[in-house]
């Protein structure tokens, strides 16, 4: 079963979003690949900033969590 990755992204023109390079590298995602996505809209404050905090767990190249309960 594929591992879920979480990132906060901004919708650009034409509904396009960018998958962070760290996730693309970890998952070897390349142009033409098909992905299954799940969407959760993050509400914005009046100044345009997101109200929910950025998730603390970030996936960085070469810094994958290994072992333990979750993976």
PDB file of N, CA and C in Angstrom:
ATOM      1  N   UNK A   1       0.838  -1.186   0.000  1.00  0.00           N
ATOM      2  CA  UNK A   1       0.000   0.000   0.000  1.00  0.00           C
ATOM      3  C   UNK A   1       0.880   1.245   0.000  1.00  0.00           C
ATOM      4  N   UNK A   2       0.544   2.204  -0.838  1.00  0.00           N
ATOM      5  CA  UNK A   2       1.331   3.426  -0.954  1.00  0.00           C
ATOM      6  C   UNK A   2       1.182   4.275   0.302  1.00  0.00           C
ATOM      7  N   UNK A   3       2.271   4.941   0.673  1.00  0.00           N
ATOM      8  CA  UNK A   3       2.254   5.818   1.837  1.00  0.00           C
ATOM      9  C   UNK A   3       1.661   7.171   1.455  1.00  0.00           C
ATOM     10  N   UNK A   4       0.843   7.734   2.337  1.00  0.00           N
ATOM     11  CA  UNK A   4       0.251   9.042   2.088  1.00  0.00           C
ATOM     12  C   UNK A   4       1.267  10.130   2.417  1.00  0.00           C
ATOM     13  N   UNK A   5       1.311  11.152   1.589  1.00  0.00           N
ATOM     14  CA  UNK A   5       2.176  12.320   1.798  1.00  0.00           C
ATOM     15  C   UNK A   5       1.280  13.533   1.953  1.00  0.00           C
ATOM     16  N   UNK A   6       1.660  14.465   2.810  1.00  0.00           N
ATOM     17  CA  UNK A   6       0.853  15.644   3.081  1.00  0.00           C
ATOM     18  C   UNK A   6       1.644  16.906   2.763  1.00  0.00           C
ATOM     19  N   UNK A   7       1.015  17.834   2.053  1.00  0.00           N
ATOM     20  CA  UNK A   7       1.646  19.114   1.744  1.00  0.00           C
ATOM     21  C   UNK A   7       0.555  20.170   1.639  1.00  0.00           C
ATOM     22  N   UNK A   8       0.887  21.404   1.976  1.00  0.00           N
ATOM     23  CA  UNK A   8      -0.014  22.527   1.786  1.00  0.00           C
ATOM     24  C   UNK A   8       0.415  23.221   0.503  1.00  0.00           C
ATOM     25  N   UNK A   9      -0.506  23.343  -0.453  1.00  0.00           N
ATOM     26  CA  UNK A   9      -0.186  23.946  -1.747  1.00  0.00           C
ATOM     27  C   UNK A   9      -1.203  25.020  -2.071  1.00  0.00           C
ATOM     28  N   UNK A  10      -0.850  25.915  -2.979  1.00  0.00           N
ATOM     29  CA  UNK A  10      -1.729  27.000  -3.399  1.00  0.00           C
ATOM     30  C   UNK A  10      -2.232  26.705  -4.812  1.00  0.00           C
ATOM     31  N   UNK A  11      -3.514  26.943  -5.049  1.00  0.00           N
ATOM     32  CA  UNK A  11      -4.093  26.752  -6.377  1.00  0.00           C
ATOM     33  C   UNK A  11      -3.719  27.948  -7.245  1.00  0.00           C
ATOM     34  N   UNK A  12      -3.174  27.663  -8.406  1.00  0.00           N
ATOM     35  CA  UNK A  12      -2.755  28.708  -9.341  1.00  0.00           C
ATOM     36  C   UNK A  12      -3.746  28.778 -10.496  1.00  0.00           C
ATOM     37  N   UNK A  13      -3.449  29.582 -11.488  1.00  0.00           N
ATOM     38  CA  UNK A  13      -4.321  29.747 -12.643  1.00  0.00           C
ATOM     39  C   UNK A  13      -4.667  28.418 -13.296  1.00  0.00           C
ATOM     40  N   UNK A  14      -5.901  28.290 -13.707  1.00  0.00           N
ATOM     41  CA  UNK A  14      -6.341  27.074 -14.372  1.00  0.00           C
ATOM     42  C   UNK A  14      -6.500  25.892 -13.429  1.00  0.00           C
ATOM     43  N   UNK A  15      -6.474  26.150 -12.111  1.00  0.00           N
ATOM     44  CA  UNK A  15      -6.636  25.073 -11.137  1.00  0.00           C
ATOM     45  C   UNK A  15      -5.386  24.242 -10.923  1.00  0.00           C
ATOM     46  N   UNK A  16      -4.248  24.718 -11.367  1.00  0.00           N
ATOM     47  CA  UNK A  16      -3.001  23.953 -11.234  1.00  0.00           C
ATOM     48  C   UNK A  16      -2.419  24.083  -9.829  1.00  0.00           C
ATOM     49  N   UNK A  17      -1.856  22.986  -9.350  1.00  0.00           N
ATOM     50  CA  UNK A  17      -1.119  22.975  -8.090  1.00  0.00           C
ATOM     51  C   UNK A  17       0.232  22.321  -8.349  1.00  0.00           C
ATOM     52  N   UNK A  18       1.212  22.667  -7.541  1.00  0.00           N
ATOM     53  CA  UNK A  18       2.542  22.081  -7.678  1.00  0.00           C
ATOM     54  C   UNK A  18       2.779  21.117  -6.540  1.00  0.00           C
ATOM     55  N   UNK A  19       3.194  19.902  -6.884  1.00  0.00           N
ATOM     56  CA  UNK A  19       3.594  18.916  -5.872  1.00  0.00           C
ATOM     57  C   UNK A  19       5.010  19.287  -5.444  1.00  0.00           C
ATOM     58  N   UNK A  20       5.255  19.471  -4.143  1.00  0.00           N
ATOM     59  CA  UNK A  20       6.601  19.851  -3.694  1.00  0.00           C
ATOM     60  C   UNK A  20       7.666  18.873  -4.201  1.00  0.00           C
ATOM     61  N   UNK A  21       8.820  19.412  -4.569  1.00  0.00           N
ATOM     62  CA  UNK A  21       9.888  18.593  -5.143  1.00  0.00           C
ATOM     63  C   UNK A  21      10.328  17.471  -4.208  1.00  0.00           C
ATOM     64  N   UNK A  22      10.289  17.696  -2.889  1.00  0.00           N
ATOM     65  CA  UNK A  22      10.686  16.650  -1.949  1.00  0.00           C
ATOM     66  C   UNK A  22       9.791  15.424  -2.100  1.00  0.00           C
ATOM     67  N   UNK A  23       8.498  15.658  -2.254  1.00  0.00           N
ATOM     68  CA  UNK A  23       7.556  14.539  -2.426  1.00  0.00           C
ATOM     69  C   UNK A  23       7.744  13.908  -3.799  1.00  0.00           C
ATOM     70  N   UNK A  24       7.929  14.728  -4.836  1.00  0.00           N
ATOM     71  CA  UNK A  24       8.170  14.171  -6.181  1.00  0.00           C
ATOM     72  C   UNK A  24       9.408  13.287  -6.187  1.00  0.00           C
ATOM     73  N   UNK A  25      10.451  13.716  -5.495  1.00  0.00           N
ATOM     74  CA  UNK A  25      11.684  12.925  -5.436  1.00  0.00           C
ATOM     75  C   UNK A  25      11.490  11.623  -4.663  1.00  0.00           C
ATOM     76  N   UNK A  26      10.887  11.701  -3.482  1.00  0.00           N
ATOM     77  CA  UNK A  26      10.681  10.513  -2.643  1.00  0.00           C
ATOM     78  C   UNK A  26       9.839   9.473  -3.383  1.00  0.00           C
ATOM     79  N   UNK A  27       8.802   9.923  -4.071  1.00  0.00           N
ATOM     80  CA  UNK A  27       7.874   9.013  -4.747  1.00  0.00           C
ATOM     81  C   UNK A  27       8.224   8.761  -6.211  1.00  0.00           C
ATOM     82  N   UNK A  28       9.312   9.357  -6.688  1.00  0.00           N
ATOM     83  CA  UNK A  28       9.728   9.218  -8.098  1.00  0.00           C
ATOM     84  C   UNK A  28       8.593   9.583  -9.055  1.00  0.00           C
ATOM     85  N   UNK A  29       7.916  10.695  -8.768  1.00  0.00           N
ATOM     86  CA  UNK A  29       6.810  11.156  -9.598  1.00  0.00           C
ATOM     87  C   UNK A  29       7.376  11.929 -10.779  1.00  0.00           C
ATOM     88  N   UNK A  30       6.900  11.577 -11.970  1.00  0.00           N
ATOM     89  CA  UNK A  30       7.367  12.263 -13.168  1.00  0.00           C
ATOM     90  C   UNK A  30       6.182  12.656 -14.041  1.00  0.00           C
ATOM     91  N   UNK A  31       6.418  13.533 -15.009  1.00  0.00           N
ATOM     92  CA  UNK A  31       5.357  13.988 -15.901  1.00  0.00           C
ATOM     93  C   UNK A  31       4.680  12.800 -16.563  1.00  0.00           C
ATOM     94  N   UNK A  32       3.358  12.818 -16.579  1.00  0.00           N
ATOM     95  CA  UNK A  32       2.585  11.744 -17.191  1.00  0.00           C
ATOM     96  C   UNK A  32       2.088  10.706 -16.205  1.00  0.00           C
ATOM     97  N   UNK A  33       2.636  10.709 -14.974  1.00  0.00           N
ATOM     98  CA  UNK A  33       2.156   9.775 -13.955  1.00  0.00           C
ATOM     99  C   UNK A  33       0.744  10.158 -13.528  1.00  0.00           C
ATOM    100  N   UNK A  34      -0.028   9.163 -13.122  1.00  0.00           N
ATOM    101  CA  UNK A  34      -1.359   9.398 -12.571  1.00  0.00           C
ATOM    102  C   UNK A  34      -1.277   9.308 -11.058  1.00  0.00           C
ATOM    103  N   UNK A  35      -1.985  10.202 -10.364  1.00  0.00           N
ATOM    104  CA  UNK A  35      -1.986  10.236  -8.910  1.00  0.00           C
ATOM    105  C   UNK A  35      -3.417  10.239  -8.398  1.00  0.00           C
ATOM    106  N   UNK A  36      -3.617   9.673  -7.224  1.00  0.00           N
ATOM    107  CA  UNK A  36      -4.893   9.787  -6.538  1.00  0.00           C
ATOM    108  C   UNK A  36      -4.721  10.886  -5.505  1.00  0.00           C
ATOM    109  N   UNK A  37      -5.646  11.854  -5.480  1.00  0.00           N
ATOM    110  CA  UNK A  37      -5.505  12.964  -4.543  1.00  0.00           C
ATOM    111  C   UNK A  37      -6.727  13.078  -3.642  1.00  0.00           C
ATOM    112  N   UNK A  38      -6.510  13.698  -2.503  1.00  0.00           N
ATOM    113  CA  UNK A  38      -7.573  14.017  -1.560  1.00  0.00           C
ATOM    114  C   UNK A  38      -7.474  15.510  -1.299  1.00  0.00           C
ATOM    115  N   UNK A  39      -8.605  16.199  -1.283  1.00  0.00           N
ATOM    116  CA  UNK A  39      -8.602  17.659  -1.164  1.00  0.00           C
ATOM    117  C   UNK A  39      -9.247  18.102   0.145  1.00  0.00           C
ATOM    118  N   UNK A  40      -8.606  19.038   0.834  1.00  0.00           N
ATOM    119  CA  UNK A  40      -9.181  19.685   2.005  1.00  0.00           C
ATOM    120  C   UNK A  40      -8.853  21.168   1.889  1.00  0.00           C
ATOM    121  N   UNK A  41      -9.885  21.988   1.732  1.00  0.00           N
ATOM    122  CA  UNK A  41      -9.661  23.425   1.598  1.00  0.00           C
ATOM    123  C   UNK A  41      -9.308  24.011   2.957  1.00  0.00           C
ATOM    124  N   UNK A  42      -8.289  24.870   2.968  1.00  0.00           N
ATOM    125  CA  UNK A  42      -7.858  25.557   4.183  1.00  0.00           C
ATOM    126  C   UNK A  42      -8.402  26.973   4.118  1.00  0.00           C
ATOM    127  N   UNK A  43      -9.176  27.342   5.110  1.00  0.00           N
ATOM    128  CA  UNK A  43      -9.767  28.685   5.129  1.00  0.00           C
ATOM    129  C   UNK A  43      -8.682  29.736   5.321  1.00  0.00           C
ATOM    130  N   UNK A  44      -8.888  30.899   4.708  1.00  0.00           N
ATOM    131  CA  UNK A  44      -7.937  31.996   4.799  1.00  0.00           C
ATOM    132  C   UNK A  44      -8.481  33.103   5.688  1.00  0.00           C
ATOM    133  N   UNK A  45      -7.552  33.807   6.335  1.00  0.00           N
ATOM    134  CA  UNK A  45      -7.947  34.969   7.132  1.00  0.00           C
ATOM    135  C   UNK A  45      -8.153  36.154   6.187  1.00  0.00           C
ATOM    136  N   UNK A  46      -8.577  37.285   6.720  1.00  0.00           N
ATOM    137  CA  UNK A  46      -8.840  38.459   5.892  1.00  0.00           C
ATOM    138  C   UNK A  46      -7.595  38.975   5.174  1.00  0.00           C
ATOM    139  N   UNK A  47      -6.404  38.734   5.742  1.00  0.00           N
ATOM    140  CA  UNK A  47      -5.176  39.200   5.092  1.00  0.00           C
ATOM    141  C   UNK A  47      -4.655  38.213   4.050  1.00  0.00           C
ATOM    142  N   UNK A  48      -5.406  37.142   3.797  1.00  0.00           N
ATOM    143  CA  UNK A  48      -5.032  36.191   2.754  1.00  0.00           C
ATOM    144  C   UNK A  48      -4.151  35.054   3.221  1.00  0.00           C
ATOM    145  N   UNK A  49      -3.753  35.058   4.485  1.00  0.00           N
ATOM    146  CA  UNK A  49      -2.921  33.976   5.004  1.00  0.00           C
ATOM    147  C   UNK A  49      -3.791  32.822   5.464  1.00  0.00           C
ATOM    148  N   UNK A  50      -3.241  31.623   5.436  1.00  0.00           N
ATOM    149  CA  UNK A  50      -4.011  30.461   5.893  1.00  0.00           C
ATOM    150  C   UNK A  50      -4.179  30.527   7.406  1.00  0.00           C
ATOM    151  N   UNK A  51      -5.298  30.036   7.896  1.00  0.00           N
ATOM    152  CA  UNK A  51      -5.569  30.056   9.325  1.00  0.00           C
ATOM    153  C   UNK A  51      -5.040  28.815  10.019  1.00  0.00           C
ATOM    154  N   UNK A  52      -5.040  27.693   9.334  1.00  0.00           N
ATOM    155  CA  UNK A  52      -4.533  26.472   9.948  1.00  0.00           C
ATOM    156  C   UNK A  52      -3.016  26.459   9.853  1.00  0.00           C
ATOM    157  N   UNK A  53      -2.344  25.936  10.846  1.00  0.00           N
ATOM    158  CA  UNK A  53      -0.879  25.890  10.795  1.00  0.00           C
ATOM    159  C   UNK A  53      -0.386  24.910   9.739  1.00  0.00           C
ATOM    160  N   UNK A  54       0.815  25.141   9.248  1.00  0.00           N
ATOM    161  CA  UNK A  54       1.450  24.204   8.328  1.00  0.00           C
ATOM    162  C   UNK A  54       1.727  22.920   9.099  1.00  0.00           C
ATOM    163  N   UNK A  55       1.447  21.760   8.509  1.00  0.00           N
ATOM    164  CA  UNK A  55       1.734  20.510   9.216  1.00  0.00           C
ATOM    165  C   UNK A  55       3.196  20.460   9.658  1.00  0.00           C
ATOM    166  N   UNK A  56       3.442  19.998  10.880  1.00  0.00           N
ATOM    167  CA  UNK A  56       4.800  19.979  11.414  1.00  0.00           C
ATOM    168  C   UNK A  56       5.674  18.927  10.744  1.00  0.00           C
ATOM    169  N   UNK A  57       5.074  17.825  10.330  1.00  0.00           N
ATOM    170  CA  UNK A  57       5.850  16.758   9.711  1.00  0.00           C
ATOM    171  C   UNK A  57       6.063  17.075   8.242  1.00  0.00           C
ATOM    172  N   UNK A  58       7.268  17.289   7.844  1.00  0.00           N
ATOM    173  CA  UNK A  58       7.610  17.587   6.460  1.00  0.00           C
ATOM    174  C   UNK A  58       8.438  16.448   5.902  1.00  0.00           C
ATOM    175  N   UNK A  59       8.251  16.157   4.644  1.00  0.00           N
ATOM    176  CA  UNK A  59       9.027  15.111   3.977  1.00  0.00           C
ATOM    177  C   UNK A  59      10.121  15.782   3.178  1.00  0.00           C
ATOM    178  N   UNK A  60      11.367  15.505   3.557  1.00  0.00           N
ATOM    179  CA  UNK A  60      12.496  16.101   2.863  1.00  0.00           C
ATOM    180  C   UNK A  60      13.339  14.989   2.265  1.00  0.00           C
ATOM    181  N   UNK A  61      13.952  15.300   1.154  1.00  0.00           N
ATOM    182  CA  UNK A  61      14.782  14.330   0.472  1.00  0.00           C
ATOM    183  C   UNK A  61      15.846  13.798   1.424  1.00  0.00           C
ATOM    184  N   UNK A  62      15.931  12.481   1.528  1.00  0.00           N
ATOM    185  CA  UNK A  62      16.933  11.866   2.385  1.00  0.00           C
ATOM    186  C   UNK A  62      16.582  11.902   3.874  1.00  0.00           C
ATOM    187  N   UNK A  63      15.374  12.352   4.229  1.00  0.00           N
ATOM    188  CA  UNK A  63      15.009  12.474   5.634  1.00  0.00           C
ATOM    189  C   UNK A  63      13.676  11.788   5.886  1.00  0.00           C
ATOM    190  N   UNK A  64      13.535  10.541   5.407  1.00  0.00           N
ATOM    191  CA  UNK A  64      12.297   9.795   5.597  1.00  0.00           C
ATOM    192  C   UNK A  64      12.283   9.152   6.967  1.00  0.00           C
ATOM    193  N   UNK A  65      11.110   9.122   7.570  1.00  0.00           N
ATOM    194  CA  UNK A  65      10.957   8.421   8.845  1.00  0.00           C
ATOM    195  C   UNK A  65      10.949   6.932   8.561  1.00  0.00           C
ATOM    196  N   UNK A  66      11.739   6.177   9.292  1.00  0.00           N
ATOM    197  CA  UNK A  66      11.795   4.738   9.087  1.00  0.00           C
ATOM    198  C   UNK A  66      11.525   4.035  10.390  1.00  0.00           C
ATOM    199  N   UNK A  67      10.918   2.844  10.270  1.00  0.00           N
ATOM    200  CA  UNK A  67      10.661   2.044  11.460  1.00  0.00           C
ATOM    201  C   UNK A  67       9.550   2.634  12.292  1.00  0.00           C
ATOM    202  N   UNK A  68       9.414   2.143  13.522  1.00  0.00           N
ATOM    203  CA  UNK A  68       8.404   2.663  14.436  1.00  0.00           C
ATOM    204  C   UNK A  68       7.002   2.255  14.032  1.00  0.00           C
ATOM    205  N   UNK A  69       6.020   2.771  14.759  1.00  0.00           N
ATOM    206  CA  UNK A  69       4.615   2.416  14.545  1.00  0.00           C
ATOM    207  C   UNK A  69       4.111   2.817  13.163  1.00  0.00           C
ATOM    208  N   UNK A  70       4.464   4.035  12.718  1.00  0.00           N
ATOM    209  CA  UNK A  70       3.860   4.574  11.502  1.00  0.00           C
ATOM    210  C   UNK A  70       4.685   4.358  10.246  1.00  0.00           C
ATOM    211  N   UNK A  71       5.757   3.646  10.354  1.00  0.00           N
ATOM    212  CA  UNK A  71       6.343   3.459   9.091  1.00  0.00           C
ATOM    213  C   UNK A  71       7.687   3.158   8.872  1.00  0.00           C
TER     214      UNK A  71
END
